Amino acid sequence: MGRHIGPKARVNRRLNAQIYESAGAVRAFERRPQPPGMHTRRGKLSTYGYGLYEKQKIKHYYGLRERQLRKYYDLASRRAGNTGDNMLLMCERRLDNVIRRAGFTRSRVQSRQGVVHCHFTVNGVKTNKPSFLVRPGDVIEVRKRKNLEAYYSMVLESGRAEPAGWLNIDADGLRINVIGYPGHEDITLPVDILSVVEFMSR
């Protein structure tokens, strides 16, 4: 399965959560939170179906392919602690998510596009990998180009996002300093992670 490129409002309604953050998708979800389709009724899901349903939330929210999510699960399962929390915390450390959580974009889709088009550097080096996992001490900056600086300054000034506590934002320098690791309280996705872990452990 590739990344979703269809109507994002339908995904929000199908998964009963504001997964996609575009204004149109949010408005559509608020108007019609029920699943898409005439006279749709959500029947009781099987354990398998519910696990798959919750897994789709993670994939859409963070923009992951199946292989990427499986990689995070495999890494998380080999680490000490809760596998589900470990997996989500790795997703939170993705460069595209960090840029969104810092308030430099209005959605994770925009963050991913910005990274792919090399709008940012990490520790002074251009990167086009949204999946790059940041660590404490990393410094993310908007590249020194007038059009990019003007755009990201405008988004930051709009103040539409509260920066995550493990990130220090230098708005004037268009810089993000990673000062720690995310904690459980930093996970904003409403997901039953236990059911996802049980599904992926089959």
C-alpha atoms as a PDB file:
ATOM      1  CA  MET A   1       0.000   0.000   0.000  1.00  0.00           C
ATOM      2  CA  GLY A   2       1.367   3.428  -1.015  1.00  0.00           C
ATOM      3  CA  ARG A   3       0.633   6.698   0.688  1.00  0.00           C
ATOM      4  CA  HIS A   4      -2.941   7.915   0.487  1.00  0.00           C
ATOM      5  CA  ILE A   5      -3.538  10.419  -2.324  1.00  0.00           C
ATOM      6  CA  GLY A   6      -7.352  10.331  -2.420  1.00  0.00           C
ATOM      7  CA  PRO A   7      -9.918  12.457  -0.560  1.00  0.00           C
ATOM      8  CA  LYS A   8      -8.540  12.960   2.932  1.00  0.00           C
ATOM      9  CA  ALA A   9     -11.908  13.850   4.457  1.00  0.00           C
ATOM     10  CA  ARG A  10     -13.120  10.318   3.704  1.00  0.00           C
ATOM     11  CA  VAL A  11     -10.171   8.875   5.638  1.00  0.00           C
ATOM     12  CA  ASN A  12     -10.976  11.069   8.640  1.00  0.00           C
ATOM     13  CA  ARG A  13     -14.580   9.906   8.558  1.00  0.00           C
ATOM     14  CA  ARG A  14     -13.714   6.248   7.971  1.00  0.00           C
ATOM     15  CA  LEU A  15     -11.247   6.185  10.882  1.00  0.00           C
ATOM     16  CA  ASN A  16     -13.427   8.454  13.054  1.00  0.00           C
ATOM     17  CA  ALA A  17     -10.530  10.813  13.865  1.00  0.00           C
ATOM     18  CA  GLN A  18      -8.941  13.973  12.490  1.00  0.00           C
ATOM     19  CA  ILE A  19      -6.010  12.171  10.917  1.00  0.00           C
ATOM     20  CA  TYR A  20      -5.495  14.652   8.087  1.00  0.00           C
ATOM     21  CA  GLU A  21      -5.194  18.298   9.063  1.00  0.00           C
ATOM     22  CA  SER A  22      -6.108  20.209   5.908  1.00  0.00           C
ATOM     23  CA  ALA A  23      -8.880  22.746   6.439  1.00  0.00           C
ATOM     24  CA  GLY A  24     -11.205  20.968   4.028  1.00  0.00           C
ATOM     25  CA  ALA A  25     -10.715  17.566   5.642  1.00  0.00           C
ATOM     26  CA  VAL A  26     -11.298  18.968   9.139  1.00  0.00           C
ATOM     27  CA  ARG A  27     -14.451  20.862   8.105  1.00  0.00           C
ATOM     28  CA  ALA A  28     -15.864  17.819   6.330  1.00  0.00           C
ATOM     29  CA  PHE A  29     -15.199  15.617   9.370  1.00  0.00           C
ATOM     30  CA  GLU A  30     -16.889  18.111  11.694  1.00  0.00           C
ATOM     31  CA  ARG A  31     -19.943  18.283   9.436  1.00  0.00           C
ATOM     32  CA  ARG A  32     -20.240  14.526   8.844  1.00  0.00           C
ATOM     33  CA  PRO A  33     -18.232  12.426  11.303  1.00  0.00           C
ATOM     34  CA  GLN A  34     -20.022   9.210  10.316  1.00  0.00           C
ATOM     35  CA  PRO A  35     -18.237   6.830   7.882  1.00  0.00           C
ATOM     36  CA  PRO A  36     -18.627   7.686   4.150  1.00  0.00           C
ATOM     37  CA  GLY A  37     -21.357   6.038   2.106  1.00  0.00           C
ATOM     38  CA  MET A  38     -25.139   6.244   2.226  1.00  0.00           C
ATOM     39  CA  HIS A  39     -26.795   4.662   5.256  1.00  0.00           C
ATOM     40  CA  THR A  40     -23.415   3.395   6.500  1.00  0.00           C
ATOM     41  CA  ARG A  41     -23.534   1.513   9.763  1.00  0.00           C
ATOM     42  CA  ARG A  42     -20.366   0.491  11.500  1.00  0.00           C
ATOM     43  CA  GLY A  43     -20.864  -3.069  12.639  1.00  0.00           C
ATOM     44  CA  LYS A  44     -18.891  -4.676  15.436  1.00  0.00           C
ATOM     45  CA  LEU A  45     -15.407  -5.453  14.179  1.00  0.00           C
ATOM     46  CA  SER A  46     -13.624  -8.721  14.843  1.00  0.00           C
ATOM     47  CA  THR A  47     -10.406  -8.589  16.864  1.00  0.00           C
ATOM     48  CA  TYR A  48      -8.480  -8.875  13.600  1.00  0.00           C
ATOM     49  CA  GLY A  49     -10.559  -6.181  11.922  1.00  0.00           C
ATOM     50  CA  TYR A  50     -10.218  -3.810  14.859  1.00  0.00           C
ATOM     51  CA  GLY A  51      -6.430  -4.243  14.934  1.00  0.00           C
ATOM     52  CA  LEU A  52      -6.254  -3.511  11.208  1.00  0.00           C
ATOM     53  CA  TYR A  53      -8.537  -0.482  11.664  1.00  0.00           C
ATOM     54  CA  GLU A  54      -6.295   0.966  14.395  1.00  0.00           C
ATOM     55  CA  LYS A  55      -3.141   0.234  12.401  1.00  0.00           C
ATOM     56  CA  GLN A  56      -4.516   2.287   9.512  1.00  0.00           C
ATOM     57  CA  LYS A  57      -4.687   5.307  11.829  1.00  0.00           C
ATOM     58  CA  ILE A  58      -0.932   5.142  12.429  1.00  0.00           C
ATOM     59  CA  LYS A  59      -0.100   4.685   8.752  1.00  0.00           C
ATOM     60  CA  HIS A  60      -2.248   7.617   7.626  1.00  0.00           C
ATOM     61  CA  TYR A  61      -1.326   9.905  10.540  1.00  0.00           C
ATOM     62  CA  TYR A  62       2.438   9.568  10.070  1.00  0.00           C
ATOM     63  CA  GLY A  63       2.351   8.930   6.311  1.00  0.00           C
ATOM     64  CA  LEU A  64       3.928   5.479   6.549  1.00  0.00           C
ATOM     65  CA  ARG A  65       4.088   2.617   4.128  1.00  0.00           C
ATOM     66  CA  GLU A  66       3.541  -0.899   5.414  1.00  0.00           C
ATOM     67  CA  ARG A  67       7.253  -1.704   5.224  1.00  0.00           C
ATOM     68  CA  GLN A  68       8.159   1.387   7.278  1.00  0.00           C
ATOM     69  CA  LEU A  69       5.637   0.593   9.989  1.00  0.00           C
ATOM     70  CA  ARG A  70       6.852  -3.017  10.115  1.00  0.00           C
ATOM     71  CA  LYS A  71      10.436  -1.763  10.505  1.00  0.00           C
ATOM     72  CA  TYR A  72       9.441   0.423  13.454  1.00  0.00           C
ATOM     73  CA  TYR A  73       7.560  -2.476  15.020  1.00  0.00           C
ATOM     74  CA  ASP A  74      10.551  -4.819  14.664  1.00  0.00           C
ATOM     75  CA  LEU A  75      12.907  -2.235  16.211  1.00  0.00           C
ATOM     76  CA  ALA A  76      10.453  -1.416  19.004  1.00  0.00           C
ATOM     77  CA  SER A  77       9.922  -5.069  19.899  1.00  0.00           C
ATOM     78  CA  ARG A  78      13.663  -5.528  20.469  1.00  0.00           C
ATOM     79  CA  ARG A  79      13.938  -2.590  22.857  1.00  0.00           C
ATOM     80  CA  ALA A  80      13.226  -2.528  26.563  1.00  0.00           C
ATOM     81  CA  GLY A  81       9.835  -1.194  27.567  1.00  0.00           C
ATOM     82  CA  ASN A  82       6.408  -1.182  25.979  1.00  0.00           C
ATOM     83  CA  THR A  83       6.552  -2.160  22.305  1.00  0.00           C
ATOM     84  CA  GLY A  84       3.594   0.000  21.313  1.00  0.00           C
ATOM     85  CA  ASP A  85       4.921   3.115  23.030  1.00  0.00           C
ATOM     86  CA  ASN A  86       8.387   2.507  21.587  1.00  0.00           C
ATOM     87  CA  MET A  87       6.914   2.287  18.102  1.00  0.00           C
ATOM     88  CA  LEU A  88       4.887   5.485  18.387  1.00  0.00           C
ATOM     89  CA  LEU A  89       7.793   7.373  19.941  1.00  0.00           C
ATOM     90  CA  MET A  90       9.958   6.464  16.957  1.00  0.00           C
ATOM     91  CA  CYS A  91       7.235   7.814  14.684  1.00  0.00           C
ATOM     92  CA  GLU A  92       7.232  11.045  16.702  1.00  0.00           C
ATOM     93  CA  ARG A  93      10.975  11.425  16.074  1.00  0.00           C
ATOM     94  CA  ARG A  94      10.577  11.373  12.282  1.00  0.00           C
ATOM     95  CA  LEU A  95      11.899  14.556  10.712  1.00  0.00           C
ATOM     96  CA  ASP A  96       8.626  15.362   8.950  1.00  0.00           C
ATOM     97  CA  ASN A  97       6.695  14.960  12.207  1.00  0.00           C
ATOM     98  CA  VAL A  98       9.207  17.092  14.124  1.00  0.00           C
ATOM     99  CA  ILE A  99       8.847  19.937  11.632  1.00  0.00           C
ATOM    100  CA  ARG A 100       5.062  19.744  11.996  1.00  0.00           C
ATOM    101  CA  ARG A 101       5.206  19.585  15.799  1.00  0.00           C
ATOM    102  CA  ALA A 102       7.500  22.632  15.788  1.00  0.00           C
ATOM    103  CA  GLY A 103       4.826  24.615  13.954  1.00  0.00           C
ATOM    104  CA  PHE A 104       6.774  25.170  10.731  1.00  0.00           C
ATOM    105  CA  THR A 105       3.940  23.695   8.642  1.00  0.00           C
ATOM    106  CA  ARG A 106       0.191  23.284   8.973  1.00  0.00           C
ATOM    107  CA  SER A 107       0.168  19.541   8.322  1.00  0.00           C
ATOM    108  CA  ARG A 108       2.428  16.512   8.182  1.00  0.00           C
ATOM    109  CA  VAL A 109       1.778  16.260   4.452  1.00  0.00           C
ATOM    110  CA  GLN A 110       3.283  19.734   4.012  1.00  0.00           C
ATOM    111  CA  SER A 111       6.216  18.804   6.252  1.00  0.00           C
ATOM    112  CA  ARG A 112       6.934  15.719   4.168  1.00  0.00           C
ATOM    113  CA  GLN A 113       6.834  17.742   0.962  1.00  0.00           C
ATOM    114  CA  GLY A 114       9.189  20.329   2.452  1.00  0.00           C
ATOM    115  CA  VAL A 115      11.721  17.688   3.456  1.00  0.00           C
ATOM    116  CA  VAL A 116      11.541  15.880   0.111  1.00  0.00           C
ATOM    117  CA  HIS A 117      12.233  19.183  -1.660  1.00  0.00           C
ATOM    118  CA  CYS A 118      15.252  19.861   0.581  1.00  0.00           C
ATOM    119  CA  HIS A 119      13.824  22.912   2.356  1.00  0.00           C
ATOM    120  CA  PHE A 120      15.600  21.911   5.590  1.00  0.00           C
ATOM    121  CA  THR A 121      19.025  20.957   6.851  1.00  0.00           C
ATOM    122  CA  VAL A 122      19.886  18.725   9.802  1.00  0.00           C
ATOM    123  CA  ASN A 123      23.113  19.708  11.523  1.00  0.00           C
ATOM    124  CA  GLY A 124      24.015  21.788   8.478  1.00  0.00           C
ATOM    125  CA  VAL A 125      23.451  18.995   5.953  1.00  0.00           C
ATOM    126  CA  LYS A 126      20.624  18.962   3.398  1.00  0.00           C
ATOM    127  CA  THR A 127      18.338  15.972   3.762  1.00  0.00           C
ATOM    128  CA  ASN A 128      15.403  14.746   1.709  1.00  0.00           C
ATOM    129  CA  LYS A 129      14.427  11.847   3.989  1.00  0.00           C
ATOM    130  CA  PRO A 130      11.208  12.438   5.962  1.00  0.00           C
ATOM    131  CA  SER A 131      11.929   9.217   7.903  1.00  0.00           C
ATOM    132  CA  PHE A 132      15.174  10.571   9.416  1.00  0.00           C
ATOM    133  CA  LEU A 133      14.975   9.997  13.196  1.00  0.00           C
ATOM    134  CA  VAL A 134      16.167  13.007  15.166  1.00  0.00           C
ATOM    135  CA  ARG A 135      18.119  12.796  18.435  1.00  0.00           C
ATOM    136  CA  PRO A 136      18.853  15.236  21.257  1.00  0.00           C
ATOM    137  CA  GLY A 137      21.413  17.753  20.066  1.00  0.00           C
ATOM    138  CA  ASP A 138      20.221  17.765  16.454  1.00  0.00           C
ATOM    139  CA  VAL A 139      19.596  21.171  14.893  1.00  0.00           C
ATOM    140  CA  ILE A 140      17.068  21.534  12.080  1.00  0.00           C
ATOM    141  CA  GLU A 141      17.074  24.737  10.041  1.00  0.00           C
ATOM    142  CA  VAL A 142      15.277  26.213   7.066  1.00  0.00           C
ATOM    143  CA  ARG A 143      17.729  26.592   4.200  1.00  0.00           C
ATOM    144  CA  LYS A 144      19.037  30.104   3.643  1.00  0.00           C
ATOM    145  CA  ARG A 145      16.864  30.998   0.675  1.00  0.00           C
ATOM    146  CA  LYS A 146      14.692  34.100   0.758  1.00  0.00           C
ATOM    147  CA  ASN A 147      11.549  32.449  -0.576  1.00  0.00           C
ATOM    148  CA  LEU A 148      11.780  29.600   1.950  1.00  0.00           C
ATOM    149  CA  GLU A 149      12.570  31.922   4.847  1.00  0.00           C
ATOM    150  CA  ALA A 150       9.629  34.158   3.963  1.00  0.00           C
ATOM    151  CA  TYR A 151       7.215  31.239   3.689  1.00  0.00           C
ATOM    152  CA  TYR A 152       8.169  29.446   6.904  1.00  0.00           C
ATOM    153  CA  SER A 153       8.318  32.720   8.835  1.00  0.00           C
ATOM    154  CA  MET A 154       4.748  33.402   7.744  1.00  0.00           C
ATOM    155  CA  VAL A 155       3.563  29.975   8.887  1.00  0.00           C
ATOM    156  CA  LEU A 156       5.305  30.319  12.249  1.00  0.00           C
ATOM    157  CA  GLU A 157       3.824  33.762  12.818  1.00  0.00           C
ATOM    158  CA  SER A 158       0.348  32.387  12.247  1.00  0.00           C
ATOM    159  CA  GLY A 159       0.885  30.453  15.478  1.00  0.00           C
ATOM    160  CA  ARG A 160      -1.403  27.560  14.651  1.00  0.00           C
ATOM    161  CA  ALA A 161       0.534  24.890  16.536  1.00  0.00           C
ATOM    162  CA  GLU A 162       1.890  24.596  20.079  1.00  0.00           C
ATOM    163  CA  PRO A 163       5.476  23.296  19.816  1.00  0.00           C
ATOM    164  CA  ALA A 164       6.235  19.982  21.494  1.00  0.00           C
ATOM    165  CA  GLY A 165       8.061  20.349  24.820  1.00  0.00           C
ATOM    166  CA  TRP A 166      11.101  18.370  23.673  1.00  0.00           C
ATOM    167  CA  LEU A 167      11.765  20.904  20.923  1.00  0.00           C
ATOM    168  CA  ASN A 168      13.196  24.402  21.343  1.00  0.00           C
ATOM    169  CA  ILE A 169      12.102  26.806  18.613  1.00  0.00           C
ATOM    170  CA  ASP A 170      14.145  29.783  17.441  1.00  0.00           C
ATOM    171  CA  ALA A 171      11.563  31.615  15.325  1.00  0.00           C
ATOM    172  CA  ASP A 172      13.932  34.405  14.286  1.00  0.00           C
ATOM    173  CA  GLY A 173      16.598  31.959  13.126  1.00  0.00           C
ATOM    174  CA  LEU A 174      14.030  29.494  11.719  1.00  0.00           C
ATOM    175  CA  ARG A 175      15.745  26.812  13.756  1.00  0.00           C
ATOM    176  CA  ILE A 176      14.561  23.780  15.735  1.00  0.00           C
ATOM    177  CA  ASN A 177      16.806  22.474  18.514  1.00  0.00           C
ATOM    178  CA  VAL A 178      16.045  18.940  19.660  1.00  0.00           C
ATOM    179  CA  ILE A 179      16.575  19.094  23.424  1.00  0.00           C
ATOM    180  CA  GLY A 180      15.281  15.670  24.443  1.00  0.00           C
ATOM    181  CA  TYR A 181      13.272  12.629  23.443  1.00  0.00           C
ATOM    182  CA  PRO A 182       9.478  12.658  23.170  1.00  0.00           C
ATOM    183  CA  GLY A 183       7.539  11.074  26.015  1.00  0.00           C
ATOM    184  CA  HIS A 184       4.240   9.227  26.144  1.00  0.00           C
ATOM    185  CA  GLU A 185       2.437  12.524  26.776  1.00  0.00           C
ATOM    186  CA  ASP A 186       3.711  13.819  23.420  1.00  0.00           C
ATOM    187  CA  ILE A 187       1.771  11.204  21.434  1.00  0.00           C
ATOM    188  CA  THR A 188      -1.307  12.995  20.104  1.00  0.00           C
ATOM    189  CA  LEU A 189      -2.768  10.248  17.927  1.00  0.00           C
ATOM    190  CA  PRO A 190      -5.878   8.620  19.480  1.00  0.00           C
ATOM    191  CA  VAL A 191      -5.087   4.962  18.820  1.00  0.00           C
ATOM    192  CA  ASP A 192      -5.484   1.659  20.663  1.00  0.00           C
ATOM    193  CA  ILE A 193      -1.824   0.754  20.353  1.00  0.00           C
ATOM    194  CA  LEU A 194      -2.199  -2.541  22.226  1.00  0.00           C
ATOM    195  CA  SER A 195      -4.547  -3.856  19.533  1.00  0.00           C
ATOM    196  CA  VAL A 196      -2.046  -2.771  16.863  1.00  0.00           C
ATOM    197  CA  VAL A 197       0.803  -4.612  18.577  1.00  0.00           C
ATOM    198  CA  GLU A 198      -1.339  -7.733  18.923  1.00  0.00           C
ATOM    199  CA  PHE A 199      -2.289  -7.478  15.239  1.00  0.00           C
ATOM    200  CA  MET A 200       1.305  -7.061  14.078  1.00  0.00           C
ATOM    201  CA  SER A 201       2.598  -9.878  16.280  1.00  0.00           C
ATOM    202  CA  ARG A 202       0.469 -12.474  14.456  1.00  0.00           C
END
